[in-house]
Amino acid sequence: MSMYRQAGQKQALSIKDLIITGVFSALFFMFMMIGAAFFAPNPVLTFLMPAGAALLTGPIYLLMIAKVPRFGPILILGIILAMITFVTGMYWLWSLTCVLLAVIGELIASIGKYKSMNANVISYIIFSLHPMGSYIMLWFNQQAYREYLVGQGTEQAYMDTMLSTAQSWMLPAMIVGTMLCAWISALLGKRLLRKQFEKSGVLAD
């Protein structure tokens, strides 16, 4: 029986799996935007955006894995987010980070064969850092960051305020804050969706 389950986890995604993944990817993006909407429009509060987005998307991420417990959905989610962030004019490194962290998220979830709640939660916490792919450039190459985003349509005044607000301590604080919010979101999702996880065979660990 265990060999059968392992083989099933490696099989290609079915049409049903792709539809489920598409639906959950759309929900993930919608809730990510809701969480980001409170902070991103403000050049001072924008540094809280990754944490705000991570706080709302944990249950969706975990339930998607429970519904499609095999390799593929996390990577597809990462690719979809990468495409959206790129075409909407976000810094290009954000798109690259979406895909990179999606691959890492898949690998972590696969350690528990997509049935381990602890592995899935860690996978989500790591994936939730994807917006940092954009913000991190503030501390590595401000000029390139400014020129790229202004060229994509961001107002110069917004960028000036954002760059003047950035402090050296903010980057580690953003990373820790985002991971903490992701962890809280995952725990909330674990409680709210306990019955759904049990039906899907996800182990509570």
Protein backbone atom coordinates (compact mmCIF):
# COMPACT_ATOMS: atom_id res chain seq x y z
CA MET A 1 0.00 0.00 0.00
CA SER A 2 2.82 2.44 0.88
CA MET A 3 4.51 1.76 -2.47
CA TYR A 4 1.23 2.50 -4.22
CA ARG A 5 0.89 5.82 -2.40
CA GLN A 6 4.45 6.84 -3.23
CA ALA A 7 3.87 6.05 -6.90
CA GLY A 8 0.64 8.06 -6.81
CA GLN A 9 2.43 11.08 -5.41
CA LYS A 10 4.89 11.06 -8.31
CA GLN A 11 2.28 10.76 -11.05
CA ALA A 12 1.56 13.66 -13.33
CA LEU A 13 -1.07 16.17 -12.35
CA SER A 14 -4.53 15.36 -13.69
CA ILE A 15 -6.91 17.88 -15.25
CA LYS A 16 -8.78 17.96 -11.93
CA ASP A 17 -5.50 18.66 -10.09
CA LEU A 18 -4.70 21.53 -12.46
CA ILE A 19 -8.17 23.03 -12.00
CA ILE A 20 -7.88 22.82 -8.21
CA THR A 21 -4.41 24.34 -8.38
CA GLY A 22 -5.68 27.15 -10.59
CA VAL A 23 -8.55 27.93 -8.22
CA PHE A 24 -6.32 27.96 -5.16
CA SER A 25 -3.69 30.04 -6.96
CA ALA A 26 -6.36 32.63 -7.76
CA LEU A 27 -7.53 32.61 -4.13
CA PHE A 28 -3.94 32.91 -2.91
CA PHE A 29 -3.31 35.93 -5.13
CA MET A 30 -6.59 37.56 -4.10
CA PHE A 31 -5.88 37.22 -0.38
CA MET A 32 -2.26 38.26 -0.91
CA MET A 33 -3.52 41.46 -2.53
CA ILE A 34 -5.96 42.07 0.32
CA GLY A 35 -3.17 41.74 2.85
CA ALA A 36 -0.87 43.92 0.78
CA ALA A 37 -3.49 46.61 0.08
CA PHE A 38 -3.23 48.00 3.60
CA PHE A 39 0.50 48.71 3.26
CA ALA A 40 1.84 48.71 -0.33
CA PRO A 41 0.21 52.00 -1.48
CA ASN A 42 2.00 53.90 1.30
CA PRO A 43 5.77 54.41 0.76
CA VAL A 44 6.38 54.30 4.52
CA LEU A 45 4.14 51.35 5.40
CA THR A 46 5.10 49.36 2.31
CA PHE A 47 7.79 47.55 4.30
CA LEU A 48 5.00 45.75 6.17
CA MET A 49 3.51 44.41 2.94
CA PRO A 50 5.23 40.96 2.95
CA ALA A 51 4.05 40.32 6.51
CA GLY A 52 0.51 41.47 5.70
CA ALA A 53 0.32 39.19 2.68
CA ALA A 54 1.75 36.23 4.61
CA LEU A 55 -0.83 36.65 7.38
CA LEU A 56 -3.78 35.87 5.10
CA THR A 57 -2.56 33.21 2.69
CA GLY A 58 -1.47 30.35 4.96
CA PRO A 59 -4.78 28.43 5.04
CA ILE A 60 -5.09 28.59 1.25
CA TYR A 61 -1.54 27.32 0.69
CA LEU A 62 -1.92 24.43 3.13
CA LEU A 63 -5.33 23.39 1.82
CA MET A 64 -4.04 23.43 -1.76
CA ILE A 65 -1.30 20.97 -0.80
CA ALA A 66 -3.85 18.81 1.03
CA LYS A 67 -6.11 18.72 -2.03
CA VAL A 68 -3.25 18.00 -4.45
CA PRO A 69 -0.57 16.16 -2.42
CA ARG A 70 2.04 15.71 -5.12
CA PHE A 71 4.75 17.67 -6.89
CA GLY A 72 3.47 20.57 -8.96
CA PRO A 73 0.90 22.88 -7.30
CA ILE A 74 3.42 24.96 -5.33
CA LEU A 75 5.60 25.42 -8.40
CA ILE A 76 2.59 26.37 -10.51
CA LEU A 77 1.54 28.89 -7.85
CA GLY A 78 5.05 30.36 -7.87
CA ILE A 79 5.08 30.64 -11.66
CA ILE A 80 1.67 32.32 -11.72
CA LEU A 81 2.72 34.85 -9.10
CA ALA A 82 5.98 35.43 -10.96
CA MET A 83 4.10 36.21 -14.16
CA ILE A 84 1.68 38.55 -12.42
CA THR A 85 4.37 40.48 -10.54
CA PHE A 86 6.43 40.83 -13.72
CA VAL A 87 3.64 42.10 -15.98
CA THR A 88 2.41 44.51 -13.30
CA GLY A 89 5.80 46.22 -13.18
CA MET A 90 7.23 44.88 -9.95
CA TYR A 91 11.01 44.56 -9.66
CA TRP A 92 12.12 41.59 -11.78
CA LEU A 93 13.89 39.84 -8.89
CA TRP A 94 10.53 39.34 -7.17
CA SER A 95 9.41 37.14 -10.07
CA LEU A 96 12.61 35.13 -9.94
CA THR A 97 12.27 34.68 -6.18
CA CYS A 98 8.68 33.44 -6.58
CA VAL A 99 9.88 30.56 -8.74
CA LEU A 100 13.00 29.82 -6.67
CA LEU A 101 11.11 29.67 -3.37
CA ALA A 102 8.34 27.64 -4.99
CA VAL A 103 10.92 24.99 -5.92
CA ILE A 104 12.31 25.05 -2.38
CA GLY A 105 8.76 24.86 -1.02
CA GLU A 106 8.04 21.81 -3.16
CA LEU A 107 11.20 20.08 -1.97
CA ILE A 108 10.39 20.75 1.70
CA ALA A 109 6.80 19.56 1.36
CA SER A 110 7.97 16.46 -0.51
CA ILE A 111 10.13 15.46 2.48
CA GLY A 112 6.89 14.66 4.28
CA LYS A 113 5.36 13.29 1.07
CA TYR A 114 2.98 16.30 1.20
CA LYS A 115 1.18 14.64 4.14
CA SER A 116 3.23 16.10 6.99
CA MET A 117 1.69 19.24 8.47
CA ASN A 118 5.02 20.37 9.92
CA ALA A 119 6.78 20.04 6.56
CA ASN A 120 3.93 21.83 4.78
CA VAL A 121 3.98 24.67 7.31
CA ILE A 122 7.74 25.13 6.91
CA SER A 123 7.24 25.05 3.14
CA TYR A 124 4.72 27.87 3.43
CA ILE A 125 6.90 29.97 5.74
CA ILE A 126 9.77 29.79 3.26
CA PHE A 127 7.54 30.53 0.27
CA SER A 128 5.97 33.52 2.04
CA LEU A 129 9.30 35.33 1.74
CA HIS A 130 8.92 35.76 -2.03
CA PRO A 131 8.18 39.54 -1.88
CA MET A 132 11.60 40.02 -0.31
CA GLY A 133 13.06 39.41 -3.76
CA SER A 134 12.01 42.97 -4.56
CA TYR A 135 12.61 44.77 -1.29
CA ILE A 136 16.06 43.30 -0.73
CA MET A 137 17.44 45.38 -3.60
CA LEU A 138 16.87 48.50 -1.49
CA TRP A 139 19.87 47.49 0.55
CA PHE A 140 22.03 46.18 -2.29
CA ASN A 141 21.51 48.55 -5.20
CA GLN A 142 19.17 51.46 -4.54
CA GLN A 143 19.94 53.23 -7.78
CA ALA A 144 19.11 50.23 -9.97
CA TYR A 145 15.99 49.59 -7.90
CA ARG A 146 14.81 53.19 -8.25
CA GLU A 147 15.50 53.41 -11.97
CA TYR A 148 13.75 50.13 -12.74
CA LEU A 149 10.56 50.85 -10.80
CA VAL A 150 10.30 54.45 -11.98
CA GLY A 151 10.74 53.14 -15.50
CA GLN A 152 7.85 50.76 -14.86
CA GLY A 153 5.57 53.60 -13.80
CA THR A 154 6.16 54.04 -10.07
CA GLU A 155 5.97 57.71 -9.05
CA GLN A 156 9.29 59.36 -8.31
CA ALA A 157 7.90 60.89 -5.11
CA TYR A 158 6.85 57.45 -3.87
CA MET A 159 10.32 56.04 -4.48
CA ASP A 160 12.05 59.01 -2.85
CA THR A 161 9.99 58.63 0.32
CA MET A 162 10.41 54.86 0.34
CA LEU A 163 14.18 55.04 -0.05
CA SER A 164 14.56 57.74 2.57
CA THR A 165 12.51 55.68 5.02
CA ALA A 166 14.53 52.48 4.61
CA GLN A 167 16.90 51.76 7.50
CA SER A 168 19.51 49.01 7.81
CA TRP A 169 17.60 47.20 10.57
CA MET A 170 14.45 46.94 8.48
CA LEU A 171 15.59 44.10 6.21
CA PRO A 172 16.14 41.51 8.97
CA ALA A 173 13.03 42.82 10.75
CA MET A 174 10.98 42.31 7.57
CA ILE A 175 12.25 38.76 7.14
CA VAL A 176 11.57 37.80 10.76
CA GLY A 177 8.20 39.58 10.78
CA THR A 178 7.09 37.90 7.56
CA MET A 179 8.08 34.45 8.80
CA LEU A 180 6.30 35.06 12.10
CA CYS A 181 3.10 36.17 10.35
CA ALA A 182 3.33 33.16 8.03
CA TRP A 183 3.66 30.85 11.02
CA ILE A 184 0.63 32.43 12.72
CA SER A 185 -1.36 32.16 9.50
CA ALA A 186 -0.42 28.50 9.11
CA LEU A 187 -1.42 27.72 12.70
CA LEU A 188 -4.75 29.48 12.17
CA GLY A 189 -5.31 27.50 8.99
CA LYS A 190 -4.42 24.28 10.77
CA ARG A 191 -7.10 24.96 13.39
CA LEU A 192 -9.80 26.21 11.04
CA LEU A 193 -9.36 23.45 8.46
CA ARG A 194 -8.57 20.52 10.74
CA LYS A 195 -11.41 18.36 9.39
CA GLN A 196 -10.44 19.01 5.77
CA PHE A 197 -6.83 18.08 6.51
CA GLU A 198 -7.88 14.87 8.25
CA LYS A 199 -10.03 13.87 5.29
CA SER A 200 -7.07 14.47 2.98
CA GLY A 201 -4.79 12.34 5.15
CA VAL A 202 -2.51 15.18 6.25
CA LEU A 203 -0.74 14.17 9.44
CA ALA A 204 -1.00 16.59 12.33
CA ASP A 205 2.56 15.75 13.50
